[in-house]
Amino acid sequence: MKTKHILVVIAGALLTLTSCVQDLDTLPLNEWDVTSETVYGSEKEPYVQGLARLYFNFVTNDTTDLLVSDAGASELIRSFWSCQEASTDEVKVAWTDAWCNAINNNIWDDSENDMVYAVFVRTLQGITFVNEYLRQTAPDKLASRGVSDELAAEIEGFRAEARYLRAYFYWMAMDVFGDVPFTTEDSPFGAEAPKQKPRAEVYDFIVKELTTLAADGSAMPAAKSNRPRADKGSVLGLLARIYLNAEVYTGTPAWKECKAVCEDIFGLGYALCDNYEHLFRGNNGENPKAYNEFLFYAPYDWEFAQSWGGATLLTCGASSTEELAKDLGDGTFSSYIGVGNGWLGLHVHEHFVNTHFNPTNVTWGENGTCTIADKRGAYAFFTARREKGDFDTLLNTFAQGYGCWKFNNIPSNMTGLEYWKETKNADRTTDVDWPLIRLGEIYLIYAEACSRLGEGATAQPKMNELAVRTGMAPITVPTAWSDEAMKLFREERARELYWEGHRRTDLIRYNCFTSADYVWPFKGGDVKGKAFEDYKKLFAIPSSQILANPELKNPVGY
């Protein structure tokens, strides 16, 4: 995401806050300004910077308020991704950090786990920041500071964005932990420890917030008018995702509501990118065909918005340094995925690729190759320099299993050689923007909702459109829900959305996460895979947080 393409002032403010330095507390602006009146005042800039800090909570590596062993791993997108993906069939982590073994094998308990801890603290921290921002931008506060009517109206839009971000943080926390501490801007500030609210009530709050923000006449910016910040398309995209999982969150499905919200999104002007690969390339925030599929995304830039999470994790983490560039023999190199330092910790067990992409002509080793017909897997999965492996363990198996280069830092309009000449393959974080919600997901949500309602034919045109870029025949949307329909969607969502942070939530919805209905290697701590305890559909609230707040209780079973 290049700075020159950020056309709105708040996103510019966001990108000036690098997580590589301790300058994340954007307010107060001067160290001697300690009151809200002198911090905010009557001018626009402080309100912009305050909002920028809320967005930055997705990508910050700052650990001022966190106790973690690896600051780079504490980023919210990275920690949420690790819980969502490493606990499933889509990825396994070869590093020896304690959290890796626990999540890889579904053997975590209520002891402290860095990834789970980071999700809990980052989401609740984000909610706290939003609440305070809403307090400080309340109409009476603005009037008391002499804020003009024109600026106050603009700030009302900022407040709508902040409420959306709070809903997103609450969704992440609710999805991972179930019942979560709950506060709003109306809660007593610092007077008492926040009480836990049941998951179904948190769901109701989120839905109410999102429907209010999506309503005509709300202050939320129009769809596609606010990139890369949130807008009404972002609101409806999150609402569709939450309705998709309503039965998990509340016990009551919301398929009709889910279908209707998707249809509202279809009228907003988003379009599928014609090349799946381009959605995950280094210029995806500049390529209009790519970003026109994004309803909400996190911008990254190797100079101005650095982070060791996001696509930096999925490029550097999936590669060894040795395999990142090809020596052309004339003093030049051709970069493979546009990063200069490989960590080689992420790999894919062949079970996932075999199940979902049916590779043929598979060979392993230095010159290994494989053939995959589906374009979504053909460019990303590879066996060169990899070992088939016996996988009797997951730790230290760095070269075993398929490599995955779904995310690629080389811009889609450049070759690897051109990129190497421009960057000299420097050790760097990526420019790949992270798609938090995109239209391809919405198409699949719509198809599933229609199938659940017995209206599968209604969604068939969307599935046909989605299939065009895969090179494969479109899936036939079932006209009635069944075990076979579930399997079809479980597999198709894996093909379309792998490594984007959806898998754990999907498997729970399909009753396949903990059960023996679908197993993968190392599920439940068994090499061949087995069922594990249902209470682990939720993660435990970190023990340090329960000690700090006696109001908190873990899910039954921990």
Protein backbone atom coordinates (compact mmCIF):
# COMPACT_ATOMS: atom_id res chain seq x y z
CA MET A 1 0.00 0.00 0.00
CA LYS A 2 1.92 3.06 -1.20
CA THR A 3 1.47 6.30 0.68
CA LYS A 4 0.60 8.32 -2.43
CA HIS A 5 -2.51 6.21 -2.89
CA ILE A 6 -3.91 6.99 0.53
CA LEU A 7 -6.33 9.71 -0.32
CA VAL A 8 -7.81 10.45 3.06
CA VAL A 9 -6.11 12.27 5.88
CA ILE A 10 -6.84 9.80 8.61
CA ALA A 11 -5.30 6.91 6.72
CA GLY A 12 -2.29 9.09 6.14
CA ALA A 13 -2.10 9.65 9.86
CA LEU A 14 -2.40 5.92 10.37
CA LEU A 15 0.52 5.16 8.10
CA THR A 16 2.83 7.59 9.85
CA LEU A 17 2.60 5.56 13.04
CA THR A 18 5.16 2.81 12.66
CA SER A 19 5.03 -0.11 15.06
CA CYS A 20 8.83 -0.28 15.05
CA VAL A 21 9.13 2.66 17.43
CA GLN A 22 7.44 3.57 20.69
CA ASP A 23 5.33 6.44 19.34
CA LEU A 24 1.95 4.82 19.35
CA ASP A 25 0.28 7.03 21.95
CA THR A 26 -0.77 9.77 19.56
CA LEU A 27 -2.57 11.74 22.26
CA PRO A 28 -1.71 13.87 24.14
CA LEU A 29 0.15 15.70 21.40
CA ASN A 30 2.54 17.30 23.89
CA GLU A 31 3.79 15.56 27.00
CA TRP A 32 2.62 18.46 29.18
CA ASP A 33 -0.92 18.38 27.74
CA VAL A 34 -2.77 16.00 30.02
CA THR A 35 -6.43 17.05 29.94
CA SER A 36 -8.96 16.19 27.28
CA GLU A 37 -9.61 19.85 26.51
CA THR A 38 -5.96 20.66 25.79
CA VAL A 39 -5.45 17.38 23.95
CA TYR A 40 -8.43 17.66 21.61
CA GLY A 41 -9.44 21.29 21.48
CA SER A 42 -11.40 22.78 18.58
CA GLU A 43 -9.24 21.78 15.61
CA LYS A 44 -9.56 18.70 13.40
CA GLU A 45 -6.09 17.12 13.61
CA PRO A 46 -6.30 15.64 17.14
CA TYR A 47 -9.61 13.94 16.32
CA VAL A 48 -8.06 12.46 13.18
CA GLN A 49 -5.07 11.19 15.14
CA GLY A 50 -7.31 9.73 17.82
CA LEU A 51 -9.25 7.79 15.20
CA ALA A 52 -6.02 6.68 13.53
CA ARG A 53 -4.96 5.04 16.79
CA LEU A 54 -8.11 2.93 16.75
CA TYR A 55 -7.37 1.57 13.28
CA PHE A 56 -3.77 0.99 14.24
CA ASN A 57 -4.82 -1.51 16.89
CA PHE A 58 -5.13 -4.16 14.16
CA VAL A 59 -1.48 -3.93 13.15
CA THR A 60 0.52 -2.61 16.10
CA ASN A 61 3.43 -4.60 17.54
CA ASP A 62 3.81 -2.23 20.50
CA THR A 63 3.96 -4.13 23.79
CA THR A 64 3.83 -1.28 26.28
CA ASP A 65 0.71 -2.84 27.83
CA LEU A 66 1.36 -6.50 26.98
CA LEU A 67 3.57 -9.18 28.54
CA VAL A 68 4.63 -11.42 25.64
CA SER A 69 7.84 -13.17 24.70
CA ASP A 70 7.77 -11.99 21.07
CA ALA A 71 6.53 -8.47 20.30
CA GLY A 72 6.28 -9.26 16.59
CA ALA A 73 3.88 -12.11 17.28
CA SER A 74 1.59 -9.94 19.40
CA GLU A 75 -0.08 -8.15 16.50
CA LEU A 76 -3.86 -8.66 16.53
CA ILE A 77 -4.23 -9.87 12.94
CA ARG A 78 -1.32 -12.30 13.44
CA SER A 79 -2.50 -13.69 16.78
CA PHE A 80 -6.11 -14.06 15.61
CA TRP A 81 -4.87 -15.77 12.42
CA SER A 82 -2.77 -18.19 14.45
CA CYS A 83 -5.74 -19.24 16.58
CA GLN A 84 -8.00 -19.52 13.52
CA GLU A 85 -5.60 -21.42 11.25
CA ALA A 86 -2.97 -23.38 13.20
CA SER A 87 -5.73 -25.08 15.19
CA THR A 88 -7.14 -26.57 11.95
CA ASP A 89 -6.11 -28.49 8.84
CA GLU A 90 -4.99 -25.41 6.86
CA VAL A 91 -1.55 -24.74 8.34
CA LYS A 92 0.91 -26.15 10.84
CA VAL A 93 3.70 -24.26 12.55
CA ALA A 94 7.17 -25.79 12.90
CA TRP A 95 8.58 -23.30 15.41
CA THR A 96 9.16 -24.52 18.95
CA ASP A 97 7.42 -21.73 20.85
CA ALA A 98 5.11 -23.21 23.47
CA TRP A 99 1.98 -21.78 21.83
CA CYS A 100 2.75 -23.59 18.56
CA ASN A 101 2.58 -27.10 19.98
CA ALA A 102 -0.57 -26.34 21.97
CA ILE A 103 -2.52 -24.84 19.08
CA ASN A 104 -1.13 -27.19 16.38
CA ASN A 105 -2.37 -30.18 18.34
CA ASN A 106 -5.52 -28.77 19.97
CA ILE A 107 -4.04 -29.50 23.41
CA TRP A 108 -4.20 -26.02 24.92
CA ASP A 109 -5.60 -25.48 28.39
CA ASP A 110 -6.18 -22.44 30.60
CA SER A 111 -2.49 -21.69 31.06
CA GLU A 112 -0.99 -18.62 29.42
CA ASN A 113 -0.60 -18.91 25.63
CA ASP A 114 1.00 -15.99 23.76
CA MET A 115 -1.35 -16.07 20.77
CA VAL A 116 -4.53 -16.41 22.83
CA TYR A 117 -3.32 -13.78 25.26
CA ALA A 118 -2.62 -11.32 22.44
CA VAL A 119 -6.10 -11.77 20.94
CA PHE A 120 -7.73 -11.16 24.31
CA VAL A 121 -5.66 -8.13 25.27
CA ARG A 122 -5.58 -6.51 21.81
CA THR A 123 -9.35 -6.77 21.29
CA LEU A 124 -10.24 -5.52 24.75
CA GLN A 125 -7.61 -2.80 24.45
CA GLY A 126 -9.15 -1.71 21.15
CA ILE A 127 -12.61 -1.61 22.70
CA THR A 128 -11.31 0.50 25.57
CA PHE A 129 -9.69 2.95 23.15
CA VAL A 130 -12.92 3.24 21.17
CA ASN A 131 -14.98 3.86 24.30
CA GLU A 132 -12.70 6.68 25.37
CA TYR A 133 -12.70 8.17 21.88
CA LEU A 134 -16.51 8.18 21.91
CA ARG A 135 -16.54 9.84 25.32
CA GLN A 136 -14.18 12.56 24.16
CA THR A 137 -16.10 13.20 20.92
CA ALA A 138 -19.58 13.34 22.43
CA PRO A 139 -21.58 16.34 21.15
CA ASP A 140 -21.55 18.11 24.52
CA LYS A 141 -17.77 17.74 24.72
CA LEU A 142 -17.33 19.18 21.25
CA ALA A 143 -19.63 22.10 22.02
CA SER A 144 -17.76 22.89 25.22
CA ARG A 145 -14.49 23.09 23.26
CA GLY A 146 -15.90 25.43 20.62
CA VAL A 147 -15.83 22.90 17.79
CA SER A 148 -17.56 24.32 14.72
CA ASP A 149 -20.80 22.78 13.46
CA GLU A 150 -19.04 21.77 10.24
CA LEU A 151 -16.24 19.93 12.06
CA ALA A 152 -18.71 18.41 14.54
CA ALA A 153 -20.61 16.90 11.61
CA GLU A 154 -17.38 15.41 10.26
CA ILE A 155 -16.46 14.06 13.68
CA GLU A 156 -19.85 12.34 13.80
CA GLY A 157 -18.61 10.30 10.83
CA PHE A 158 -15.41 9.52 12.73
CA ARG A 159 -17.54 8.30 15.63
CA ALA A 160 -19.46 5.98 13.31
CA GLU A 161 -16.18 4.46 12.12
CA ALA A 162 -15.06 4.03 15.72
CA ARG A 163 -18.28 2.19 16.56
CA TYR A 164 -17.70 -0.12 13.61
CA LEU A 165 -14.17 -0.89 14.81
CA ARG A 166 -15.52 -1.65 18.28
CA ALA A 167 -18.04 -4.05 16.75
CA TYR A 168 -15.22 -5.76 14.85
CA PHE A 169 -13.11 -6.10 18.01
CA TYR A 170 -16.12 -7.46 19.91
CA TRP A 171 -16.78 -9.97 17.12
CA MET A 172 -13.19 -11.25 17.28
CA ALA A 173 -13.30 -11.55 21.07
CA MET A 174 -16.76 -13.17 21.09
CA ASP A 175 -15.78 -15.65 18.38
CA VAL A 176 -12.64 -16.78 20.21
CA PHE A 177 -13.74 -16.58 23.86
CA GLY A 178 -17.56 -16.63 23.93
CA ASP A 179 -18.58 -14.59 26.98
CA VAL A 180 -16.34 -11.52 27.18
CA PRO A 181 -15.87 -8.45 29.38
CA PHE A 182 -18.26 -5.81 28.13
CA THR A 183 -18.07 -2.02 28.29
CA THR A 184 -19.26 0.91 26.22
CA GLU A 185 -18.68 4.65 26.36
CA ASP A 186 -21.49 4.80 28.94
CA SER A 187 -19.77 2.41 31.35
CA PRO A 188 -18.25 3.87 34.54
CA PHE A 189 -14.69 4.81 33.63
CA GLY A 190 -12.15 3.00 35.80
CA ALA A 191 -14.57 2.62 38.70
CA GLU A 192 -14.83 -1.16 38.66
CA ALA A 193 -13.64 -4.20 36.74
CA PRO A 194 -15.76 -4.86 33.64
CA LYS A 195 -18.31 -7.65 33.97
CA GLN A 196 -18.59 -10.52 31.53
CA LYS A 197 -21.55 -10.47 29.15
CA PRO A 198 -23.00 -13.69 27.68
CA ARG A 199 -22.04 -14.36 24.09
CA ALA A 200 -25.62 -14.09 22.82
CA GLU A 201 -25.96 -10.62 24.36
CA VAL A 202 -22.67 -9.50 22.82
CA TYR A 203 -24.00 -10.78 19.49
CA ASP A 204 -27.18 -8.73 19.96
CA PHE A 205 -25.15 -5.62 20.73
CA ILE A 206 -22.97 -6.06 17.64
CA VAL A 207 -25.96 -6.65 15.38
CA LYS A 208 -27.76 -3.60 16.74
CA GLU A 209 -24.66 -1.43 16.25
CA LEU A 210 -24.09 -2.65 12.70
CA THR A 211 -27.72 -2.33 11.59
CA THR A 212 -27.79 1.20 12.99
CA LEU A 213 -24.59 2.12 11.17
CA ALA A 214 -25.87 0.61 7.92
CA ALA A 215 -29.20 2.44 8.03
CA ASP A 216 -29.96 5.28 5.66
CA GLY A 217 -29.13 8.60 7.23
CA SER A 218 -26.42 7.26 9.54
CA ALA A 219 -23.08 9.04 9.66
CA MET A 220 -21.23 6.01 8.28
CA PRO A 221 -19.48 6.89 4.98
CA ALA A 222 -20.97 5.47 1.80
CA ALA A 223 -19.59 2.22 0.42
CA LYS A 224 -16.29 2.58 -1.48
CA SER A 225 -15.98 6.24 -0.45
CA ASN A 226 -13.57 5.91 2.45
CA ARG A 227 -10.67 3.61 1.49
CA PRO A 228 -8.89 2.13 3.32
CA ARG A 229 -11.11 3.08 6.23
CA ALA A 230 -14.43 1.51 7.09
CA ASP A 231 -17.65 2.39 5.29
CA LYS A 232 -21.15 0.97 4.86
CA GLY A 233 -19.82 -1.89 2.75
CA SER A 234 -17.54 -2.84 5.63
CA VAL A 235 -20.49 -2.69 8.03
CA LEU A 236 -22.68 -4.95 5.89
CA GLY A 237 -19.81 -7.36 5.25
CA LEU A 238 -19.24 -7.91 8.97
CA LEU A 239 -22.97 -8.18 9.57
CA ALA A 240 -23.27 -10.92 6.91
CA ARG A 241 -20.43 -12.86 8.53
CA ILE A 242 -22.01 -12.60 11.97
CA TYR A 243 -25.44 -13.65 10.70
CA LEU A 244 -23.78 -16.65 9.01
CA ASN A 245 -22.65 -17.84 12.45
CA ALA A 246 -25.71 -16.71 14.42
CA GLU A 247 -26.69 -20.25 15.39
CA VAL A 248 -23.25 -20.86 16.89
CA TYR A 249 -23.29 -17.57 18.78
CA THR A 250 -26.90 -17.61 20.01
CA GLY A 251 -28.49 -20.99 19.30
CA THR A 252 -30.86 -19.40 16.76
CA PRO A 253 -30.01 -19.21 13.03
CA ALA A 254 -30.42 -16.03 11.00
CA TRP A 255 -30.30 -17.32 7.42
CA LYS A 256 -32.96 -14.94 6.06
CA GLU A 257 -31.21 -11.94 7.55
CA CYS A 258 -27.89 -13.21 6.22
CA LYS A 259 -29.26 -13.61 2.68
CA ALA A 260 -30.83 -10.14 2.74
CA VAL A 261 -27.65 -8.41 3.88
CA CYS A 262 -25.65 -10.11 1.13
CA GLU A 263 -28.16 -8.87 -1.43
CA ASP A 264 -27.73 -5.34 -0.07
CA ILE A 265 -23.97 -5.69 -0.59
CA PHE A 266 -24.43 -6.80 -4.19
CA GLY A 267 -25.95 -3.42 -4.99
CA LEU A 268 -22.97 -1.41 -3.75
CA GLY A 269 -20.69 -1.73 -6.77
CA TYR A 270 -18.04 -4.18 -5.56
CA ALA A 271 -16.71 -6.66 -8.13
CA LEU A 272 -14.64 -9.83 -8.10
CA CYS A 273 -11.02 -9.41 -9.19
CA ASP A 274 -10.54 -11.34 -12.43
CA ASN A 275 -7.24 -12.80 -11.20
CA TYR A 276 -7.33 -14.50 -7.79
CA GLU A 277 -3.56 -14.24 -7.36
CA HIS A 278 -3.64 -10.43 -7.67
CA LEU A 279 -5.74 -10.16 -4.50
CA PHE A 280 -2.67 -11.08 -2.47
CA ARG A 281 0.16 -9.29 -4.29
CA GLY A 282 2.26 -6.37 -3.08
CA ASN A 283 0.25 -3.75 -4.98
CA ASN A 284 -3.21 -5.06 -4.06
CA GLY A 285 -4.02 -1.72 -2.40
CA GLU A 286 -3.13 0.13 -5.61
CA ASN A 287 -4.59 -2.26 -8.17
CA PRO A 288 -8.24 -1.23 -8.58
CA LYS A 289 -9.26 -4.66 -9.81
CA ALA A 290 -7.94 -6.13 -6.57
CA TYR A 291 -9.11 -3.56 -4.04
CA ASN A 292 -12.56 -3.31 -5.63
CA GLU A 293 -13.17 -6.76 -4.14
CA PHE A 294 -12.25 -5.56 -0.63
CA LEU A 295 -15.02 -4.41 1.68
CA PHE A 296 -12.55 -3.80 4.51
CA TYR A 297 -8.81 -4.24 4.68
CA ALA A 298 -5.76 -3.37 6.77
CA PRO A 299 -3.15 -1.34 4.86
CA TYR A 300 0.51 -2.30 5.26
CA ASP A 301 3.54 -0.48 3.92
CA TRP A 302 7.15 -1.54 4.46
CA GLU A 303 8.23 2.04 5.11
CA PHE A 304 5.30 3.59 6.95
CA ALA A 305 3.14 0.84 8.44
CA GLN A 306 5.55 -1.92 9.32
CA SER A 307 4.44 -4.99 11.19
CA TRP A 308 5.68 -8.53 11.72
CA GLY A 309 2.14 -9.77 11.30
CA GLY A 310 -0.22 -9.65 8.34
CA ALA A 311 1.27 -10.81 5.07
CA THR A 312 4.81 -10.40 6.39
CA LEU A 313 4.10 -13.45 8.54
CA LEU A 314 2.67 -15.37 5.59
CA THR A 315 5.53 -14.55 3.22
CA CYS A 316 8.60 -14.61 5.46
CA GLY A 317 7.04 -17.29 7.67
CA ALA A 318 6.39 -19.64 4.76
CA SER A 319 9.88 -19.43 3.22
CA SER A 320 13.52 -20.07 3.95
CA THR A 321 16.00 -17.34 3.12
CA GLU A 322 17.68 -19.65 0.61
CA GLU A 323 14.56 -20.14 -1.49
CA LEU A 324 13.47 -16.53 -1.78
CA ALA A 325 15.50 -15.66 -4.87
CA LYS A 326 16.88 -17.48 -7.91
CA ASP A 327 20.48 -16.73 -8.92
CA LEU A 328 20.40 -15.98 -12.65
CA GLY A 329 24.18 -16.44 -12.95
CA ASP A 330 24.94 -12.96 -14.24
CA GLY A 331 25.09 -11.13 -10.95
CA THR A 332 21.33 -10.68 -10.75
CA PHE A 333 18.59 -12.53 -8.96
CA SER A 334 14.92 -13.12 -9.59
CA SER A 335 12.85 -12.76 -6.44
CA TYR A 336 10.15 -15.36 -5.87
CA ILE A 337 7.86 -13.53 -3.46
CA GLY A 338 9.57 -10.22 -2.79
CA VAL A 339 10.90 -10.54 0.74
CA GLY A 340 14.53 -10.86 1.69
CA ASN A 341 14.48 -12.89 4.88
CA GLY A 342 12.78 -16.23 5.38
CA TRP A 343 11.69 -17.65 8.73
CA LEU A 344 10.39 -21.00 7.38
CA GLY A 345 7.89 -21.90 10.07
CA LEU A 346 4.58 -22.31 8.23
CA HIS A 347 3.76 -25.29 6.06
CA VAL A 348 0.76 -27.27 4.87
CA HIS A 349 0.28 -30.95 5.51
CA GLU A 350 -0.39 -32.85 2.31
CA HIS A 351 -3.76 -33.93 3.75
CA PHE A 352 -5.16 -30.43 3.16
CA VAL A 353 -3.83 -30.08 -0.39
CA ASN A 354 -4.83 -33.63 -1.36
CA THR A 355 -8.33 -33.20 0.06
CA HIS A 356 -9.11 -29.84 -1.49
CA PHE A 357 -6.94 -29.44 -4.59
CA ASN A 358 -6.31 -32.98 -5.88
CA PRO A 359 -2.69 -32.47 -7.01
CA THR A 360 -1.20 -34.79 -9.64
CA ASN A 361 2.33 -35.55 -10.88
CA VAL A 362 3.68 -34.83 -7.42
CA THR A 363 7.41 -35.09 -6.80
CA TRP A 364 9.44 -33.78 -3.87
CA GLY A 365 12.95 -32.49 -3.28
CA GLU A 366 15.17 -29.89 -4.92
CA ASN A 367 13.30 -30.01 -8.22
CA GLY A 368 9.93 -31.12 -6.89
CA THR A 369 6.81 -30.28 -8.87
CA CYS A 370 3.08 -30.78 -8.69
CA THR A 371 0.14 -30.05 -10.96
CA ILE A 372 -3.03 -28.42 -9.60
CA ALA A 373 -5.89 -27.55 -11.95
CA ASP A 374 -7.62 -25.04 -9.65
CA LYS A 375 -5.92 -21.68 -10.21
CA ARG A 376 -6.37 -20.78 -6.54
CA GLY A 377 -3.95 -23.52 -5.59
CA ALA A 378 -1.84 -23.82 -8.73
CA TYR A 379 0.21 -20.68 -8.13
CA ALA A 380 0.47 -21.02 -4.35
CA PHE A 381 1.30 -24.62 -3.37
CA PHE A 382 4.67 -26.09 -4.25
CA THR A 383 6.92 -29.06 -3.42
CA ALA A 384 10.27 -27.78 -4.71
CA ARG A 385 12.91 -27.93 -1.97
CA ARG A 386 10.34 -29.62 0.29
CA GLU A 387 10.13 -33.11 1.75
CA LYS A 388 7.09 -35.37 1.72
CA GLY A 389 7.97 -36.17 5.33
CA ASP A 390 6.65 -38.75 7.73
CA PHE A 391 5.22 -36.13 10.12
CA ASP A 392 5.62 -38.03 13.35
CA THR A 393 5.85 -34.60 14.92
CA LEU A 394 5.15 -31.01 13.89
CA LEU A 395 7.96 -29.10 15.59
CA ASN A 396 11.23 -28.60 13.70
CA THR A 397 9.71 -30.10 10.53
CA PHE A 398 10.56 -26.96 8.60
CA ALA A 399 10.90 -28.40 5.10
CA GLN A 400 8.20 -31.04 5.35
CA GLY A 401 4.89 -30.74 3.57
CA TYR A 402 3.74 -28.27 0.95
CA GLY A 403 5.06 -24.75 0.78
CA CYS A 404 2.44 -22.05 0.33
CA TRP A 405 3.07 -18.69 -1.32
CA LYS A 406 -0.50 -17.45 -1.49
CA PHE A 407 0.71 -14.01 -0.37
CA ASN A 408 3.40 -12.50 -2.60
CA ASN A 409 5.05 -9.12 -2.07
CA ILE A 410 6.01 -8.66 -5.74
CA PRO A 411 3.53 -6.25 -7.39
CA SER A 412 1.30 -7.91 -9.96
CA ASN A 413 2.67 -5.63 -12.69
CA MET A 414 6.32 -6.56 -12.10
CA THR A 415 8.48 -9.63 -12.65
CA GLY A 416 10.64 -11.10 -9.93
CA LEU A 417 13.75 -9.79 -11.69
CA GLU A 418 12.33 -6.27 -11.97
CA TYR A 419 11.40 -6.31 -8.31
CA TRP A 420 14.85 -7.54 -7.29
CA LYS A 421 16.51 -4.77 -9.27
CA GLU A 422 14.30 -2.20 -7.54
CA THR A 423 14.71 -3.49 -3.98
CA LYS A 424 17.95 -5.50 -4.08
CA ASN A 425 16.01 -8.12 -2.10
CA ALA A 426 16.42 -6.20 1.13
CA ASP A 427 15.21 -7.60 4.42
CA ARG A 428 11.84 -5.90 4.67
CA THR A 429 8.24 -6.24 5.73
CA THR A 430 5.60 -6.43 3.02
CA ASP A 431 3.33 -4.02 1.19
CA VAL A 432 0.53 -6.59 0.87
CA ASP A 433 -2.69 -5.18 2.34
CA TRP A 434 -4.66 -7.65 4.43
CA PRO A 435 -8.21 -8.36 3.17
CA LEU A 436 -10.33 -8.46 6.31
CA ILE A 437 -13.60 -8.81 4.34
CA ARG A 438 -13.86 -9.36 0.59
CA LEU A 439 -16.57 -10.06 -1.95
CA GLY A 440 -15.49 -13.66 -2.61
CA GLU A 441 -16.36 -14.42 1.01
CA ILE A 442 -19.73 -12.68 0.66
CA TYR A 443 -20.60 -14.83 -2.39
CA LEU A 444 -19.95 -17.97 -0.35
CA ILE A 445 -21.92 -16.64 2.62
CA TYR A 446 -24.83 -15.93 0.27
CA ALA A 447 -24.71 -19.37 -1.31
CA GLU A 448 -24.69 -21.08 2.06
CA ALA A 449 -27.56 -18.99 3.39
CA CYS A 450 -29.59 -19.71 0.25
CA SER A 451 -28.88 -23.43 0.51
CA ARG A 452 -29.87 -23.47 4.18
CA LEU A 453 -33.16 -21.79 3.17
CA GLY A 454 -33.84 -24.28 0.37
CA GLU A 455 -33.20 -21.60 -2.25
CA GLY A 456 -29.88 -22.78 -3.64
CA ALA A 457 -30.74 -21.93 -7.26
CA THR A 458 -30.96 -18.25 -6.29
CA ALA A 459 -27.24 -18.19 -5.53
CA GLN A 460 -26.08 -20.24 -8.52
CA PRO A 461 -25.18 -17.21 -10.69
CA LYS A 462 -22.84 -15.98 -7.96
CA MET A 463 -21.14 -19.36 -7.77
CA ASN A 464 -20.81 -19.42 -11.55
CA GLU A 465 -19.16 -16.00 -11.42
CA LEU A 466 -16.81 -17.10 -8.66
CA ALA A 467 -15.82 -20.18 -10.65
CA VAL A 468 -14.72 -18.24 -13.74
CA ARG A 469 -11.40 -17.25 -12.20
CA THR A 470 -10.72 -20.72 -10.76
CA GLY A 471 -10.58 -22.51 -14.10
CA MET A 472 -12.85 -25.15 -12.60
CA ALA A 473 -16.50 -26.05 -13.04
CA PRO A 474 -18.73 -24.14 -10.63
CA ILE A 475 -20.10 -25.93 -7.61
CA THR A 476 -23.82 -26.65 -7.81
CA VAL A 477 -25.48 -24.94 -4.88
CA PRO A 478 -27.62 -27.54 -3.04
CA THR A 479 -31.32 -26.80 -2.89
CA ALA A 480 -31.59 -28.38 0.56
CA TRP A 481 -29.18 -28.59 3.46
CA SER A 482 -27.64 -31.98 4.20
CA ASP A 483 -24.37 -33.57 5.26
CA GLU A 484 -23.32 -33.53 1.61
CA ALA A 485 -24.15 -29.83 1.31
CA MET A 486 -22.12 -29.15 4.44
CA LYS A 487 -19.14 -31.04 3.03
CA LEU A 488 -19.38 -29.14 -0.25
CA PHE A 489 -19.27 -25.76 1.48
CA ARG A 490 -16.61 -26.86 3.95
CA GLU A 491 -14.35 -27.76 1.04
CA GLU A 492 -15.20 -24.85 -1.24
CA ARG A 493 -14.63 -22.28 1.51
CA ALA A 494 -11.27 -23.95 2.16
CA ARG A 495 -10.31 -23.52 -1.50
CA GLU A 496 -11.41 -19.90 -1.73
CA LEU A 497 -10.44 -18.60 1.72
CA TYR A 498 -7.47 -20.70 2.89
CA TRP A 499 -4.92 -18.81 5.02
CA GLU A 500 -7.23 -15.79 5.40
CA GLY A 501 -8.27 -16.51 8.98
CA HIS A 502 -11.70 -18.16 8.62
CA ARG A 503 -11.10 -21.88 9.09
CA ARG A 504 -11.69 -22.48 12.81
CA THR A 505 -14.97 -20.53 12.71
CA ASP A 506 -16.10 -22.46 9.63
CA LEU A 507 -15.31 -25.87 11.09
CA ILE A 508 -17.18 -25.00 14.29
CA ARG A 509 -20.24 -23.96 12.25
CA TYR A 510 -20.12 -27.29 10.39
CA ASN A 511 -19.65 -29.25 13.67
CA CYS A 512 -16.31 -30.48 12.33
CA PHE A 513 -13.84 -28.70 14.58
CA THR A 514 -13.86 -30.98 17.61
CA SER A 515 -15.90 -33.96 16.36
CA ALA A 516 -14.73 -37.13 14.60
CA ASP A 517 -16.86 -36.24 11.55
CA TYR A 518 -13.82 -34.68 9.90
CA VAL A 519 -10.27 -35.34 11.07
CA TRP A 520 -6.86 -34.19 9.92
CA PRO A 521 -3.35 -35.17 11.00
CA PHE A 522 -2.53 -34.04 14.55
CA LYS A 523 -6.10 -33.08 15.32
CA GLY A 524 -6.64 -33.66 19.02
CA GLY A 525 -2.94 -34.37 19.53
CA ASP A 526 -3.01 -37.61 17.54
CA VAL A 527 -0.78 -38.19 14.51
CA LYS A 528 -3.71 -39.63 12.57
CA GLY A 529 -6.21 -37.18 14.02
CA LYS A 530 -9.05 -37.71 16.47
CA ALA A 531 -11.93 -35.89 18.12
CA PHE A 532 -11.19 -33.62 21.06
CA GLU A 533 -13.18 -31.92 23.79
CA ASP A 534 -16.14 -29.76 22.73
CA TYR A 535 -15.37 -27.05 25.26
CA LYS A 536 -12.32 -26.19 23.15
CA LYS A 537 -14.58 -24.63 20.56
CA LEU A 538 -13.74 -21.64 22.74
CA PHE A 539 -10.31 -20.66 23.97
CA ALA A 540 -9.67 -20.02 27.65
CA ILE A 541 -9.36 -16.45 28.85
CA PRO A 542 -5.68 -16.04 29.81
CA SER A 543 -5.02 -16.87 33.44
CA SER A 544 -3.31 -13.52 34.06
CA GLN A 545 -6.49 -11.72 33.02
CA ILE A 546 -8.68 -13.80 35.30
CA LEU A 547 -6.32 -13.09 38.21
CA ALA A 548 -6.56 -9.38 37.39
CA ASN A 549 -10.36 -9.38 37.10
CA PRO A 550 -12.28 -11.71 39.43
CA GLU A 551 -15.45 -11.00 37.44
CA LEU A 552 -14.17 -13.22 34.59
CA LYS A 553 -14.97 -16.92 34.28
CA ASN A 554 -13.73 -19.41 31.71
CA PRO A 555 -16.01 -21.63 29.60
CA VAL A 556 -17.13 -24.79 31.38
CA GLY A 557 -14.47 -27.47 30.93
CA TYR A 558 -11.41 -25.33 31.65
